[in-house]
Amino acid sequence: IRKGEALSIPAWCFHHDPEYFPDPERFDPDRFSDENKHLINPLAYMPFGVGPRNCIGSRFALCELKVLLYQILLHIEVSPSPKTQLPSKLSAESFNLRLQGGHWLTFKSRD
């Protein structure tokens, strides 16, 4: 790596590596429970970076996200739109995580 070059760590690759997260494609919130979190290599899970230069706002961001998600789901029913391709697959056209064909949602008021 030469001085001044940008370096990107593909955290998504670590988060989906079966060596660190068995059956990584399965939705498993219990993976992060108090009983299981000791099984996670702290350097393999890095949504906000690691080390002395990790994101200073990570706790605030997680708290804000939880409140936002709660408020949305309290008042709105969210479901995949017929335009969403299921099962979903990641697009290889971008460095950013995107679904092939886009991520289309339908919102319906619960009121």
C-alpha atoms as a PDB file:
ATOM      1  CA  ILE A   1       0.000   0.000   0.000  1.00  0.00           C
ATOM      2  CA  ARG A   2       1.483   3.301  -1.052  1.00  0.00           C
ATOM      3  CA  LYS A   3       1.214   6.471   1.006  1.00  0.00           C
ATOM      4  CA  GLY A   4      -2.013   8.337   0.285  1.00  0.00           C
ATOM      5  CA  GLU A   5      -3.866   5.358  -1.177  1.00  0.00           C
ATOM      6  CA  ALA A   6      -7.367   4.644   0.038  1.00  0.00           C
ATOM      7  CA  LEU A   7      -7.988   1.305   1.682  1.00  0.00           C
ATOM      8  CA  SER A   8     -11.372  -0.288   2.135  1.00  0.00           C
ATOM      9  CA  ILE A   9     -12.073  -3.221   4.438  1.00  0.00           C
ATOM     10  CA  PRO A  10     -14.985  -5.289   3.090  1.00  0.00           C
ATOM     11  CA  ALA A  11     -16.772  -5.824   6.415  1.00  0.00           C
ATOM     12  CA  TRP A  12     -19.635  -7.542   4.595  1.00  0.00           C
ATOM     13  CA  CYS A  13     -17.243 -10.363   3.654  1.00  0.00           C
ATOM     14  CA  PHE A  14     -16.321 -10.944   7.292  1.00  0.00           C
ATOM     15  CA  HIS A  15     -19.964 -10.766   8.361  1.00  0.00           C
ATOM     16  CA  HIS A  16     -20.870 -13.471   5.832  1.00  0.00           C
ATOM     17  CA  ASP A  17     -17.893 -15.780   6.371  1.00  0.00           C
ATOM     18  CA  PRO A  18     -19.019 -19.193   7.719  1.00  0.00           C
ATOM     19  CA  GLU A  19     -15.725 -19.440   9.606  1.00  0.00           C
ATOM     20  CA  TYR A  20     -16.889 -16.615  11.876  1.00  0.00           C
ATOM     21  CA  PHE A  21     -20.671 -16.874  11.536  1.00  0.00           C
ATOM     22  CA  PRO A  22     -22.042 -20.376  10.928  1.00  0.00           C
ATOM     23  CA  ASP A  23     -24.833 -20.364   8.342  1.00  0.00           C
ATOM     24  CA  PRO A  24     -24.351 -16.633   7.667  1.00  0.00           C
ATOM     25  CA  GLU A  25     -27.287 -16.276   5.273  1.00  0.00           C
ATOM     26  CA  ARG A  26     -29.799 -17.423   7.905  1.00  0.00           C
ATOM     27  CA  PHE A  27     -31.489 -14.667   9.901  1.00  0.00           C
ATOM     28  CA  ASP A  28     -30.501 -15.495  13.473  1.00  0.00           C
ATOM     29  CA  PRO A  29     -30.871 -12.683  16.018  1.00  0.00           C
ATOM     30  CA  ASP A  30     -29.978 -15.151  18.797  1.00  0.00           C
ATOM     31  CA  ARG A  31     -26.472 -15.175  17.372  1.00  0.00           C
ATOM     32  CA  PHE A  32     -25.984 -11.839  19.190  1.00  0.00           C
ATOM     33  CA  SER A  33     -27.766 -12.762  22.442  1.00  0.00           C
ATOM     34  CA  ASP A  34     -26.007 -12.442  25.789  1.00  0.00           C
ATOM     35  CA  GLU A  35     -25.630 -16.229  25.895  1.00  0.00           C
ATOM     36  CA  ASN A  36     -23.964 -16.405  22.467  1.00  0.00           C
ATOM     37  CA  LYS A  37     -22.094 -13.149  21.966  1.00  0.00           C
ATOM     38  CA  HIS A  38     -18.951 -14.591  23.566  1.00  0.00           C
ATOM     39  CA  LEU A  39     -18.724 -16.906  20.524  1.00  0.00           C
ATOM     40  CA  ILE A  40     -18.261 -13.953  18.155  1.00  0.00           C
ATOM     41  CA  ASN A  41     -14.740 -12.910  17.297  1.00  0.00           C
ATOM     42  CA  PRO A  42     -14.784  -9.161  18.090  1.00  0.00           C
ATOM     43  CA  LEU A  43     -12.572  -8.446  15.083  1.00  0.00           C
ATOM     44  CA  ALA A  44     -14.902 -10.306  12.708  1.00  0.00           C
ATOM     45  CA  TYR A  45     -17.988  -8.203  13.480  1.00  0.00           C
ATOM     46  CA  MET A  46     -17.276  -4.570  12.697  1.00  0.00           C
ATOM     47  CA  PRO A  47     -20.304  -2.632  11.497  1.00  0.00           C
ATOM     48  CA  PHE A  48     -18.746   0.574  12.854  1.00  0.00           C
ATOM     49  CA  GLY A  49     -15.083  -0.318  12.502  1.00  0.00           C
ATOM     50  CA  VAL A  50     -12.739  -1.490  15.248  1.00  0.00           C
ATOM     51  CA  GLY A  51      -9.873  -0.138  17.253  1.00  0.00           C
ATOM     52  CA  PRO A  52      -9.059   3.382  18.364  1.00  0.00           C
ATOM     53  CA  ARG A  53     -10.559   4.942  15.229  1.00  0.00           C
ATOM     54  CA  ASN A  54     -13.907   3.180  15.278  1.00  0.00           C
ATOM     55  CA  CYS A  55     -17.067   5.219  14.884  1.00  0.00           C
ATOM     56  CA  ILE A  56     -17.538   7.502  17.874  1.00  0.00           C
ATOM     57  CA  GLY A  57     -21.278   7.688  17.200  1.00  0.00           C
ATOM     58  CA  SER A  58     -21.976   3.954  16.971  1.00  0.00           C
ATOM     59  CA  ARG A  59     -23.992   3.722  20.201  1.00  0.00           C
ATOM     60  CA  PHE A  60     -26.037   6.768  19.291  1.00  0.00           C
ATOM     61  CA  ALA A  61     -26.603   5.427  15.764  1.00  0.00           C
ATOM     62  CA  LEU A  62     -27.826   2.060  17.057  1.00  0.00           C
ATOM     63  CA  CYS A  63     -30.132   3.712  19.587  1.00  0.00           C
ATOM     64  CA  GLU A  64     -31.492   6.098  16.966  1.00  0.00           C
ATOM     65  CA  LEU A  65     -32.057   3.241  14.528  1.00  0.00           C
ATOM     66  CA  LYS A  66     -33.975   1.207  17.111  1.00  0.00           C
ATOM     67  CA  VAL A  67     -36.252   4.140  17.967  1.00  0.00           C
ATOM     68  CA  LEU A  68     -36.850   4.906  14.288  1.00  0.00           C
ATOM     69  CA  LEU A  69     -37.597   1.290  13.419  1.00  0.00           C
ATOM     70  CA  TYR A  70     -39.955   0.971  16.386  1.00  0.00           C
ATOM     71  CA  GLN A  71     -41.876   4.094  15.381  1.00  0.00           C
ATOM     72  CA  ILE A  72     -42.145   2.994  11.755  1.00  0.00           C
ATOM     73  CA  LEU A  73     -43.344  -0.504  12.611  1.00  0.00           C
ATOM     74  CA  LEU A  74     -45.740   0.837  15.237  1.00  0.00           C
ATOM     75  CA  HIS A  75     -47.628   2.913  12.664  1.00  0.00           C
ATOM     76  CA  ILE A  76     -46.857   1.298   9.308  1.00  0.00           C
ATOM     77  CA  GLU A  77     -47.023  -2.232   7.936  1.00  0.00           C
ATOM     78  CA  VAL A  78     -43.979  -2.832   5.735  1.00  0.00           C
ATOM     79  CA  SER A  79     -43.869  -5.656   3.193  1.00  0.00           C
ATOM     80  CA  PRO A  80     -42.004  -6.482  -0.018  1.00  0.00           C
ATOM     81  CA  SER A  81     -43.521  -4.970  -3.131  1.00  0.00           C
ATOM     82  CA  PRO A  82     -44.415  -7.227  -6.059  1.00  0.00           C
ATOM     83  CA  LYS A  83     -41.495  -5.513  -7.850  1.00  0.00           C
ATOM     84  CA  THR A  84     -39.010  -6.966  -5.336  1.00  0.00           C
ATOM     85  CA  GLN A  85     -37.232 -10.047  -6.634  1.00  0.00           C
ATOM     86  CA  LEU A  86     -37.580 -12.895  -4.143  1.00  0.00           C
ATOM     87  CA  PRO A  87     -35.471 -14.627  -3.109  1.00  0.00           C
ATOM     88  CA  SER A  88     -33.279 -11.565  -3.024  1.00  0.00           C
ATOM     89  CA  LYS A  89     -29.747 -11.550  -4.401  1.00  0.00           C
ATOM     90  CA  LEU A  90     -27.058  -8.937  -4.039  1.00  0.00           C
ATOM     91  CA  SER A  91     -26.156  -6.903  -7.081  1.00  0.00           C
ATOM     92  CA  ALA A  92     -22.592  -7.145  -8.351  1.00  0.00           C
ATOM     93  CA  GLU A  93     -22.912  -3.804 -10.156  1.00  0.00           C
ATOM     94  CA  SER A  94     -21.973  -1.667  -7.168  1.00  0.00           C
ATOM     95  CA  PHE A  95     -19.506  -1.599  -4.298  1.00  0.00           C
ATOM     96  CA  ASN A  96     -22.439  -0.642  -2.073  1.00  0.00           C
ATOM     97  CA  LEU A  97     -24.823  -3.341  -0.917  1.00  0.00           C
ATOM     98  CA  ARG A  98     -27.811  -3.343  -3.236  1.00  0.00           C
ATOM     99  CA  LEU A  99     -30.325  -5.936  -4.269  1.00  0.00           C
ATOM    100  CA  GLN A 100     -30.626  -7.028  -7.873  1.00  0.00           C
ATOM    101  CA  GLY A 101     -33.585  -5.180  -9.341  1.00  0.00           C
ATOM    102  CA  GLY A 102     -33.762  -2.803  -6.391  1.00  0.00           C
ATOM    103  CA  HIS A 103     -35.323  -3.062  -2.975  1.00  0.00           C
ATOM    104  CA  TRP A 104     -38.982  -2.198  -3.344  1.00  0.00           C
ATOM    105  CA  LEU A 105     -41.283  -1.990  -0.338  1.00  0.00           C
ATOM    106  CA  THR A 106     -44.990  -1.463   0.203  1.00  0.00           C
ATOM    107  CA  PHE A 107     -46.108   0.692   3.121  1.00  0.00           C
ATOM    108  CA  LYS A 108     -49.596   0.473   4.588  1.00  0.00           C
ATOM    109  CA  SER A 109     -50.861   2.544   7.498  1.00  0.00           C
ATOM    110  CA  ARG A 110     -51.879   0.571  10.580  1.00  0.00           C
ATOM    111  CA  ASP A 111     -54.365   3.288  11.605  1.00  0.00           C
END
